[in-house]
Full PDB file with SEQRES, HELIX, SHEET, SSBOND, CRYST1, ORIGX, SCALE, CONECT and MASTER records, all heavy atoms in Angstrom:
SEQRES   1 A   34  THR GLU ILE SER GLY VAL THR ASP TYR LYS MET LYS ASP          
SEQRES   2 A   34  ASP THR GLU CYS LEU GLN THR ILE ARG ARG LEU VAL LYS          
SEQRES   3 A   34  ASN LEU GLY PRO SER PRO LYS ALA                              
HELIX    1 AA1 ASP A   14  LYS A   26  1                                  13    
CRYST1    1.000    1.000    1.000  90.00  90.00  90.00 P 1           1          
ORIGX1      1.000000  0.000000  0.000000        0.00000                         
ORIGX2      0.000000  1.000000  0.000000        0.00000                         
ORIGX3      0.000000  0.000000  1.000000        0.00000                         
SCALE1      1.000000  0.000000  0.000000        0.00000                         
SCALE2      0.000000  1.000000  0.000000        0.00000                         
SCALE3      0.000000  0.000000  1.000000        0.00000                         
ATOM      1  N   THR A   1      -1.945  -5.188 -13.044  1.00  0.00           N  
ATOM      2  CA  THR A   1      -2.662  -5.779 -11.874  1.00  0.00           C  
ATOM      3  C   THR A   1      -3.531  -7.002 -12.295  1.00  0.00           C  
ATOM      4  O   THR A   1      -3.777  -7.811 -11.446  1.00  0.00           O  
ATOM      5  CB  THR A   1      -3.574  -4.794 -11.205  1.00  0.00           C  
ATOM      6  OG1 THR A   1      -4.474  -4.154 -12.161  1.00  0.00           O  
ATOM      7  CG2 THR A   1      -2.778  -3.648 -10.545  1.00  0.00           C  
ATOM      8  N   GLU A   2      -3.828  -7.121 -13.588  1.00  0.00           N  
ATOM      9  CA  GLU A   2      -4.751  -8.178 -13.986  1.00  0.00           C  
ATOM     10  C   GLU A   2      -4.091  -9.169 -14.968  1.00  0.00           C  
ATOM     11  O   GLU A   2      -4.648 -10.292 -15.161  1.00  0.00           O  
ATOM     12  CB  GLU A   2      -6.017  -7.585 -14.619  1.00  0.00           C  
ATOM     13  CG  GLU A   2      -6.794  -6.695 -13.639  1.00  0.00           C  
ATOM     14  CD  GLU A   2      -7.779  -5.725 -14.341  1.00  0.00           C  
ATOM     15  OE1 GLU A   2      -8.059  -5.977 -15.527  1.00  0.00           O  
ATOM     16  OE2 GLU A   2      -8.258  -4.805 -13.648  1.00  0.00           O  
ATOM     17  N   ILE A   3      -2.995  -8.782 -15.635  1.00  0.00           N  
ATOM     18  CA  ILE A   3      -2.396  -9.706 -16.658  1.00  0.00           C  
ATOM     19  C   ILE A   3      -0.972 -10.115 -16.251  1.00  0.00           C  
ATOM     20  O   ILE A   3      -0.744 -11.316 -16.061  1.00  0.00           O  
ATOM     21  CB  ILE A   3      -2.351  -8.995 -18.020  1.00  0.00           C  
ATOM     22  CG1 ILE A   3      -3.824  -8.657 -18.485  1.00  0.00           C  
ATOM     23  CG2 ILE A   3      -1.648  -9.890 -19.028  1.00  0.00           C  
ATOM     24  CD1 ILE A   3      -3.847  -7.858 -19.761  1.00  0.00           C  
ATOM     25  N   SER A   4      -0.081  -9.138 -16.059  1.00  0.00           N  
ATOM     26  CA  SER A   4       1.332  -9.518 -15.736  1.00  0.00           C  
ATOM     27  C   SER A   4       1.503  -9.800 -14.236  1.00  0.00           C  
ATOM     28  O   SER A   4       2.471 -10.512 -13.917  1.00  0.00           O  
ATOM     29  CB  SER A   4       2.155  -8.349 -16.132  1.00  0.00           C  
ATOM     30  OG  SER A   4       2.041  -7.226 -15.273  1.00  0.00           O  
ATOM     31  N   GLY A   5       0.732  -9.191 -13.397  1.00  0.00           N  
ATOM     32  CA  GLY A   5       0.868  -9.408 -11.953  1.00  0.00           C  
ATOM     33  C   GLY A   5       2.095  -8.606 -11.409  1.00  0.00           C  
ATOM     34  O   GLY A   5       2.519  -8.933 -10.309  1.00  0.00           O  
ATOM     35  N   VAL A   6       2.556  -7.671 -12.155  1.00  0.00           N  
ATOM     36  CA  VAL A   6       3.751  -6.898 -11.777  1.00  0.00           C  
ATOM     37  C   VAL A   6       3.411  -6.018 -10.581  1.00  0.00           C  
ATOM     38  O   VAL A   6       4.209  -5.890  -9.629  1.00  0.00           O  
ATOM     39  CB  VAL A   6       4.258  -6.047 -12.938  1.00  0.00           C  
ATOM     40  CG1 VAL A   6       5.257  -4.968 -12.448  1.00  0.00           C  
ATOM     41  CG2 VAL A   6       4.920  -6.959 -13.968  1.00  0.00           C  
ATOM     42  N   THR A   7       2.201  -5.408 -10.533  1.00  0.00           N  
ATOM     43  CA  THR A   7       1.914  -4.534  -9.394  1.00  0.00           C  
ATOM     44  C   THR A   7       0.735  -5.248  -8.547  1.00  0.00           C  
ATOM     45  O   THR A   7       0.135  -6.151  -8.953  1.00  0.00           O  
ATOM     46  CB  THR A   7       1.352  -3.161  -9.896  1.00  0.00           C  
ATOM     47  OG1 THR A   7       0.234  -3.388 -10.808  1.00  0.00           O  
ATOM     48  CG2 THR A   7       2.468  -2.440 -10.663  1.00  0.00           C  
ATOM     49  N   ASP A   8       0.611  -4.663  -7.344  1.00  0.00           N  
ATOM     50  CA  ASP A   8      -0.218  -5.322  -6.285  1.00  0.00           C  
ATOM     51  C   ASP A   8      -1.643  -4.701  -6.123  1.00  0.00           C  
ATOM     52  O   ASP A   8      -2.534  -5.390  -5.719  1.00  0.00           O  
ATOM     53  CB  ASP A   8       0.510  -5.397  -5.057  1.00  0.00           C  
ATOM     54  CG  ASP A   8       1.923  -6.021  -5.137  1.00  0.00           C  
ATOM     55  OD1 ASP A   8       1.983  -7.138  -5.689  1.00  0.00           O  
ATOM     56  OD2 ASP A   8       2.919  -5.362  -4.824  1.00  0.00           O  
ATOM     57  N   TYR A   9      -1.717  -3.415  -6.309  1.00  0.00           N  
ATOM     58  CA  TYR A   9      -2.918  -2.678  -6.017  1.00  0.00           C  
ATOM     59  C   TYR A   9      -3.239  -1.740  -7.154  1.00  0.00           C  
ATOM     60  O   TYR A   9      -2.448  -0.880  -7.578  1.00  0.00           O  
ATOM     61  CB  TYR A   9      -2.839  -1.884  -4.690  1.00  0.00           C  
ATOM     62  CG  TYR A   9      -2.364  -2.659  -3.524  1.00  0.00           C  
ATOM     63  CD1 TYR A   9      -1.033  -2.783  -3.209  1.00  0.00           C  
ATOM     64  CD2 TYR A   9      -3.320  -3.329  -2.751  1.00  0.00           C  
ATOM     65  CE1 TYR A   9      -0.625  -3.510  -2.114  1.00  0.00           C  
ATOM     66  CE2 TYR A   9      -2.907  -4.052  -1.582  1.00  0.00           C  
ATOM     67  CZ  TYR A   9      -1.592  -4.153  -1.319  1.00  0.00           C  
ATOM     68  OH  TYR A   9      -1.184  -4.852  -0.138  1.00  0.00           O  
ATOM     69  N   LYS A  10      -4.501  -1.782  -7.687  1.00  0.00           N  
ATOM     70  CA  LYS A  10      -4.964  -0.842  -8.737  1.00  0.00           C  
ATOM     71  C   LYS A  10      -5.783   0.201  -7.999  1.00  0.00           C  
ATOM     72  O   LYS A  10      -6.793  -0.029  -7.377  1.00  0.00           O  
ATOM     73  CB  LYS A  10      -5.803  -1.668  -9.734  1.00  0.00           C  
ATOM     74  CG  LYS A  10      -6.365  -0.729 -10.859  1.00  0.00           C  
ATOM     75  CD  LYS A  10      -7.178  -1.632 -11.799  1.00  0.00           C  
ATOM     76  CE  LYS A  10      -7.802  -0.779 -12.900  1.00  0.00           C  
ATOM     77  NZ  LYS A  10      -8.612  -1.643 -13.836  1.00  0.00           N  
ATOM     78  N   MET A  11      -5.369   1.443  -8.191  1.00  0.00           N  
ATOM     79  CA  MET A  11      -6.029   2.576  -7.565  1.00  0.00           C  
ATOM     80  C   MET A  11      -6.725   3.456  -8.548  1.00  0.00           C  
ATOM     81  O   MET A  11      -6.223   3.703  -9.649  1.00  0.00           O  
ATOM     82  CB  MET A  11      -4.949   3.438  -6.788  1.00  0.00           C  
ATOM     83  CG  MET A  11      -4.145   2.682  -5.730  1.00  0.00           C  
ATOM     84  SD  MET A  11      -5.103   2.263  -4.252  1.00  0.00           S  
ATOM     85  CE  MET A  11      -5.529   0.587  -4.523  1.00  0.00           C  
ATOM     86  N   LYS A  12      -7.874   4.024  -8.121  1.00  0.00           N  
ATOM     87  CA  LYS A  12      -8.620   4.786  -9.100  1.00  0.00           C  
ATOM     88  C   LYS A  12      -8.087   6.195  -9.298  1.00  0.00           C  
ATOM     89  O   LYS A  12      -8.276   6.823 -10.348  1.00  0.00           O  
ATOM     90  CB  LYS A  12     -10.112   4.896  -8.710  1.00  0.00           C  
ATOM     91  CG  LYS A  12     -10.383   5.620  -7.331  1.00  0.00           C  
ATOM     92  CD  LYS A  12     -11.848   5.650  -7.079  1.00  0.00           C  
ATOM     93  CE  LYS A  12     -12.157   6.416  -5.793  1.00  0.00           C  
ATOM     94  NZ  LYS A  12     -13.571   6.435  -5.413  1.00  0.00           N  
ATOM     95  N   ASP A  13      -7.406   6.711  -8.271  1.00  0.00           N  
ATOM     96  CA  ASP A  13      -6.878   8.113  -8.355  1.00  0.00           C  
ATOM     97  C   ASP A  13      -5.760   8.340  -7.264  1.00  0.00           C  
ATOM     98  O   ASP A  13      -5.566   7.437  -6.483  1.00  0.00           O  
ATOM     99  CB  ASP A  13      -7.941   9.194  -8.261  1.00  0.00           C  
ATOM    100  CG  ASP A  13      -8.803   9.058  -6.963  1.00  0.00           C  
ATOM    101  OD1 ASP A  13      -8.322   8.487  -5.981  1.00  0.00           O  
ATOM    102  OD2 ASP A  13      -9.912   9.551  -7.002  1.00  0.00           O  
ATOM    103  N   ASP A  14      -5.216   9.489  -7.270  1.00  0.00           N  
ATOM    104  CA  ASP A  14      -4.160   9.811  -6.282  1.00  0.00           C  
ATOM    105  C   ASP A  14      -4.629   9.657  -4.888  1.00  0.00           C  
ATOM    106  O   ASP A  14      -3.957   9.130  -3.981  1.00  0.00           O  
ATOM    107  CB  ASP A  14      -3.570  11.278  -6.591  1.00  0.00           C  
ATOM    108  CG  ASP A  14      -2.587  11.325  -7.706  1.00  0.00           C  
ATOM    109  OD1 ASP A  14      -2.496  10.320  -8.492  1.00  0.00           O  
ATOM    110  OD2 ASP A  14      -1.907  12.340  -7.785  1.00  0.00           O  
ATOM    111  N   THR A  15      -5.828  10.198  -4.615  1.00  0.00           N  
ATOM    112  CA  THR A  15      -6.406  10.168  -3.272  1.00  0.00           C  
ATOM    113  C   THR A  15      -6.492   8.786  -2.755  1.00  0.00           C  
ATOM    114  O   THR A  15      -6.020   8.502  -1.596  1.00  0.00           O  
ATOM    115  CB  THR A  15      -7.741  10.901  -3.270  1.00  0.00           C  
ATOM    116  OG1 THR A  15      -7.624  12.251  -3.667  1.00  0.00           O  
ATOM    117  CG2 THR A  15      -8.376  10.826  -1.837  1.00  0.00           C  
ATOM    118  N   GLU A  16      -7.082   7.896  -3.460  1.00  0.00           N  
ATOM    119  CA  GLU A  16      -7.256   6.512  -2.975  1.00  0.00           C  
ATOM    120  C   GLU A  16      -5.905   5.843  -2.818  1.00  0.00           C  
ATOM    121  O   GLU A  16      -5.656   5.081  -1.894  1.00  0.00           O  
ATOM    122  CB  GLU A  16      -8.115   5.646  -4.014  1.00  0.00           C  
ATOM    123  CG  GLU A  16      -8.341   4.229  -3.485  1.00  0.00           C  
ATOM    124  CD  GLU A  16      -9.109   3.382  -4.527  1.00  0.00           C  
ATOM    125  OE1 GLU A  16      -8.717   3.475  -5.738  1.00  0.00           O  
ATOM    126  OE2 GLU A  16      -9.935   2.658  -4.072  1.00  0.00           O  
ATOM    127  N   CYS A  17      -4.971   6.183  -3.730  1.00  0.00           N  
ATOM    128  CA  CYS A  17      -3.645   5.589  -3.665  1.00  0.00           C  
ATOM    129  C   CYS A  17      -2.924   5.974  -2.353  1.00  0.00           C  
ATOM    130  O   CYS A  17      -2.398   5.112  -1.641  1.00  0.00           O  
ATOM    131  CB  CYS A  17      -2.806   6.024  -4.839  1.00  0.00           C  
ATOM    132  SG  CYS A  17      -1.122   5.312  -4.920  1.00  0.00           S  
ATOM    133  N   LEU A  18      -2.944   7.256  -2.028  1.00  0.00           N  
ATOM    134  CA  LEU A  18      -2.262   7.760  -0.842  1.00  0.00           C  
ATOM    135  C   LEU A  18      -2.986   7.266   0.376  1.00  0.00           C  
ATOM    136  O   LEU A  18      -2.308   6.987   1.471  1.00  0.00           O  
ATOM    137  CB  LEU A  18      -2.239   9.297  -0.841  1.00  0.00           C  
ATOM    138  CG  LEU A  18      -1.391   9.886  -2.017  1.00  0.00           C  
ATOM    139  CD1 LEU A  18      -1.636  11.360  -2.153  1.00  0.00           C  
ATOM    140  CD2 LEU A  18       0.049   9.577  -1.830  1.00  0.00           C  
ATOM    141  N   GLN A  19      -4.309   7.193   0.399  1.00  0.00           N  
ATOM    142  CA  GLN A  19      -5.020   6.675   1.579  1.00  0.00           C  
ATOM    143  C   GLN A  19      -4.681   5.179   1.807  1.00  0.00           C  
ATOM    144  O   GLN A  19      -4.506   4.735   2.947  1.00  0.00           O  
ATOM    145  CB  GLN A  19      -6.505   6.802   1.322  1.00  0.00           C  
ATOM    146  CG  GLN A  19      -7.045   8.168   1.419  1.00  0.00           C  
ATOM    147  CD  GLN A  19      -8.503   8.314   1.093  1.00  0.00           C  
ATOM    148  OE1 GLN A  19      -9.009   7.480   0.315  1.00  0.00           O  
ATOM    149  NE2 GLN A  19      -9.163   9.423   1.494  1.00  0.00           N  
ATOM    150  N   THR A  20      -4.512   4.439   0.699  1.00  0.00           N  
ATOM    151  CA  THR A  20      -4.103   2.982   0.870  1.00  0.00           C  
ATOM    152  C   THR A  20      -2.676   2.876   1.399  1.00  0.00           C  
ATOM    153  O   THR A  20      -2.431   1.993   2.247  1.00  0.00           O  
ATOM    154  CB  THR A  20      -4.184   2.299  -0.522  1.00  0.00           C  
ATOM    155  OG1 THR A  20      -5.543   2.445  -1.041  1.00  0.00           O  
ATOM    156  CG2 THR A  20      -3.894   0.817  -0.423  1.00  0.00           C  
ATOM    157  N   ILE A  21      -1.824   3.708   0.988  1.00  0.00           N  
ATOM    158  CA  ILE A  21      -0.409   3.711   1.548  1.00  0.00           C  
ATOM    159  C   ILE A  21      -0.478   3.942   3.041  1.00  0.00           C  
ATOM    160  O   ILE A  21       0.216   3.274   3.846  1.00  0.00           O  
ATOM    161  CB  ILE A  21       0.460   4.764   0.877  1.00  0.00           C  
ATOM    162  CG1 ILE A  21       0.707   4.414  -0.576  1.00  0.00           C  
ATOM    163  CG2 ILE A  21       1.771   4.955   1.589  1.00  0.00           C  
ATOM    164  CD1 ILE A  21       1.439   5.462  -1.379  1.00  0.00           C  
ATOM    165  N   ARG A  22      -1.336   4.896   3.486  1.00  0.00           N  
ATOM    166  CA  ARG A  22      -1.427   5.144   4.961  1.00  0.00           C  
ATOM    167  C   ARG A  22      -1.906   3.912   5.674  1.00  0.00           C  
ATOM    168  O   ARG A  22      -1.326   3.580   6.737  1.00  0.00           O  
ATOM    169  CB  ARG A  22      -2.397   6.297   5.162  1.00  0.00           C  
ATOM    170  CG  ARG A  22      -1.848   7.690   4.823  1.00  0.00           C  
ATOM    171  CD  ARG A  22      -2.883   8.755   5.061  1.00  0.00           C  
ATOM    172  NE  ARG A  22      -3.357   8.801   6.447  1.00  0.00           N  
ATOM    173  CZ  ARG A  22      -2.661   9.279   7.492  1.00  0.00           C  
ATOM    174  NH1 ARG A  22      -1.519   9.878   7.251  1.00  0.00           N  
ATOM    175  NH2 ARG A  22      -3.085   9.206   8.716  1.00  0.00           N  
ATOM    176  N   ARG A  23      -2.860   3.184   5.030  1.00  0.00           N  
ATOM    177  CA  ARG A  23      -3.349   1.987   5.740  1.00  0.00           C  
ATOM    178  C   ARG A  23      -2.290   0.912   5.745  1.00  0.00           C  
ATOM    179  O   ARG A  23      -2.181   0.117   6.715  1.00  0.00           O  
ATOM    180  CB  ARG A  23      -4.603   1.470   5.015  1.00  0.00           C  
ATOM    181  CG  ARG A  23      -5.832   2.364   5.261  1.00  0.00           C  
ATOM    182  CD  ARG A  23      -7.099   1.634   4.933  1.00  0.00           C  
ATOM    183  NE  ARG A  23      -7.212   1.333   3.487  1.00  0.00           N  
ATOM    184  CZ  ARG A  23      -7.828   2.203   2.638  1.00  0.00           C  
ATOM    185  NH1 ARG A  23      -8.344   3.372   3.084  1.00  0.00           N  
ATOM    186  NH2 ARG A  23      -7.917   1.930   1.407  1.00  0.00           N  
ATOM    187  N   LEU A  24      -1.458   0.789   4.704  1.00  0.00           N  
ATOM    188  CA  LEU A  24      -0.438  -0.231   4.669  1.00  0.00           C  
ATOM    189  C   LEU A  24       0.642   0.103   5.715  1.00  0.00           C  
ATOM    190  O   LEU A  24       1.123  -0.835   6.351  1.00  0.00           O  
ATOM    191  CB  LEU A  24       0.242  -0.228   3.257  1.00  0.00           C  
ATOM    192  CG  LEU A  24      -0.627  -0.799   2.103  1.00  0.00           C  
ATOM    193  CD1 LEU A  24       0.019  -0.555   0.774  1.00  0.00           C  
ATOM    194  CD2 LEU A  24      -0.949  -2.278   2.339  1.00  0.00           C  
ATOM    195  N   VAL A  25       1.006   1.389   5.843  1.00  0.00           N  
ATOM    196  CA  VAL A  25       1.937   1.726   6.925  1.00  0.00           C  
ATOM    197  C   VAL A  25       1.419   1.425   8.294  1.00  0.00           C  
ATOM    198  O   VAL A  25       2.168   0.945   9.168  1.00  0.00           O  
ATOM    199  CB  VAL A  25       2.422   3.223   6.739  1.00  0.00           C  
ATOM    200  CG1 VAL A  25       3.292   3.613   7.870  1.00  0.00           C  
ATOM    201  CG2 VAL A  25       3.064   3.412   5.398  1.00  0.00           C  
ATOM    202  N   LYS A  26       0.170   1.701   8.503  1.00  0.00           N  
ATOM    203  CA  LYS A  26      -0.495   1.428   9.860  1.00  0.00           C  
ATOM    204  C   LYS A  26      -0.395  -0.041  10.162  1.00  0.00           C  
ATOM    205  O   LYS A  26      -0.364  -0.406  11.360  1.00  0.00           O  
ATOM    206  CB  LYS A  26      -1.893   1.965   9.858  1.00  0.00           C  
ATOM    207  CG  LYS A  26      -2.023   3.448  10.055  1.00  0.00           C  
ATOM    208  CD  LYS A  26      -3.491   3.863  10.142  1.00  0.00           C  
ATOM    209  CE  LYS A  26      -3.660   5.358  10.406  1.00  0.00           C  
ATOM    210  NZ  LYS A  26      -5.070   5.729  10.487  1.00  0.00           N  
ATOM    211  N   ASN A  27      -0.417  -0.861   9.154  1.00  0.00           N  
ATOM    212  CA  ASN A  27      -0.381  -2.321   9.411  1.00  0.00           C  
ATOM    213  C   ASN A  27       0.923  -2.909   9.442  1.00  0.00           C  
ATOM    214  O   ASN A  27       1.108  -4.188   9.511  1.00  0.00           O  
ATOM    215  CB  ASN A  27      -1.230  -2.992   8.354  1.00  0.00           C  
ATOM    216  CG  ASN A  27      -2.739  -2.753   8.493  1.00  0.00           C  
ATOM    217  OD1 ASN A  27      -3.243  -2.637   9.551  1.00  0.00           O  
ATOM    218  ND2 ASN A  27      -3.418  -2.672   7.311  1.00  0.00           N  
ATOM    219  N   LEU A  28       2.014  -2.150   9.430  1.00  0.00           N  
ATOM    220  CA  LEU A  28       3.363  -2.603   9.535  1.00  0.00           C  
ATOM    221  C   LEU A  28       3.537  -3.296  10.908  1.00  0.00           C  
ATOM    222  O   LEU A  28       2.928  -2.854  11.926  1.00  0.00           O  
ATOM    223  CB  LEU A  28       4.400  -1.584   9.308  1.00  0.00           C  
ATOM    224  CG  LEU A  28       4.523  -0.995   7.905  1.00  0.00           C  
ATOM    225  CD1 LEU A  28       5.561   0.139   7.910  1.00  0.00           C  
ATOM    226  CD2 LEU A  28       5.025  -2.095   6.977  1.00  0.00           C  
ATOM    227  N   GLY A  29       4.441  -4.268  11.002  1.00  0.00           N  
ATOM    228  CA  GLY A  29       4.686  -4.926  12.239  1.00  0.00           C  
ATOM    229  C   GLY A  29       5.499  -4.062  13.248  1.00  0.00           C  
ATOM    230  O   GLY A  29       5.829  -2.880  12.928  1.00  0.00           O  
ATOM    231  N   PRO A  30       5.856  -4.609  14.384  1.00  0.00           N  
ATOM    232  CA  PRO A  30       6.535  -3.853  15.392  1.00  0.00           C  
ATOM    233  C   PRO A  30       7.896  -3.436  14.942  1.00  0.00           C  
ATOM    234  O   PRO A  30       8.568  -4.118  14.115  1.00  0.00           O  
ATOM    235  CB  PRO A  30       6.520  -4.769  16.625  1.00  0.00           C  
ATOM    236  CG  PRO A  30       6.495  -6.158  15.990  1.00  0.00           C  
ATOM    237  CD  PRO A  30       5.591  -6.036  14.843  1.00  0.00           C  
ATOM    238  N   SER A  31       8.395  -2.327  15.492  1.00  0.00           N  
ATOM    239  CA  SER A  31       9.710  -1.800  15.142  1.00  0.00           C  
ATOM    240  C   SER A  31      10.542  -1.670  16.386  1.00  0.00           C  
ATOM    241  O   SER A  31      10.311  -0.833  17.189  1.00  0.00           O  
ATOM    242  CB  SER A  31       9.538  -0.423  14.470  1.00  0.00           C  
ATOM    243  OG  SER A  31      10.766   0.181  14.257  1.00  0.00           O  
ATOM    244  N   PRO A  32      11.582  -2.555  16.518  1.00  0.00           N  
ATOM    245  CA  PRO A  32      12.454  -2.476  17.670  1.00  0.00           C  
ATOM    246  C   PRO A  32      13.309  -1.128  17.673  1.00  0.00           C  
ATOM    247  O   PRO A  32      13.498  -0.598  16.631  1.00  0.00           O  
ATOM    248  CB  PRO A  32      13.325  -3.696  17.576  1.00  0.00           C  
ATOM    249  CG  PRO A  32      13.300  -4.052  16.099  1.00  0.00           C  
ATOM    250  CD  PRO A  32      11.934  -3.632  15.618  1.00  0.00           C  
ATOM    251  N   LYS A  33      13.635  -0.665  18.816  1.00  0.00           N  
ATOM    252  CA  LYS A  33      14.365   0.612  18.911  1.00  0.00           C  
ATOM    253  C   LYS A  33      15.749   0.426  19.525  1.00  0.00           C  
ATOM    254  O   LYS A  33      16.059  -0.604  20.118  1.00  0.00           O  
ATOM    255  CB  LYS A  33      13.563   1.561  19.826  1.00  0.00           C  
ATOM    256  CG  LYS A  33      12.073   1.757  19.478  1.00  0.00           C  
ATOM    257  CD  LYS A  33      11.999   2.687  18.202  1.00  0.00           C  
ATOM    258  CE  LYS A  33      10.587   3.144  17.931  1.00  0.00           C  
ATOM    259  NZ  LYS A  33       9.676   2.084  17.526  1.00  0.00           N  
ATOM    260  N   ALA A  34      16.527   1.500  19.342  1.00  0.00           N  
ATOM    261  CA  ALA A  34      17.873   1.494  20.022  1.00  0.00           C  
ATOM    262  C   ALA A  34      17.744   1.840  21.454  1.00  0.00           C  
ATOM    263  O   ALA A  34      18.650   1.568  22.281  1.00  0.00           O  
ATOM    264  CB  ALA A  34      18.768   2.544  19.306  1.00  0.00           C  
TER     265      ALA A  34                                                      
MASTER        0    0    0    1    0    0    0    6  264    1    0    3          
END                                                                             
């Protein structure tokens, strides 16, 4: 996260990581339907 730039988010533990995923999904754009 600080040298290679390979990853985008540095998380302190599993809990913070999963909470961040939830926030990322909530911020996804609209999804057209069939």
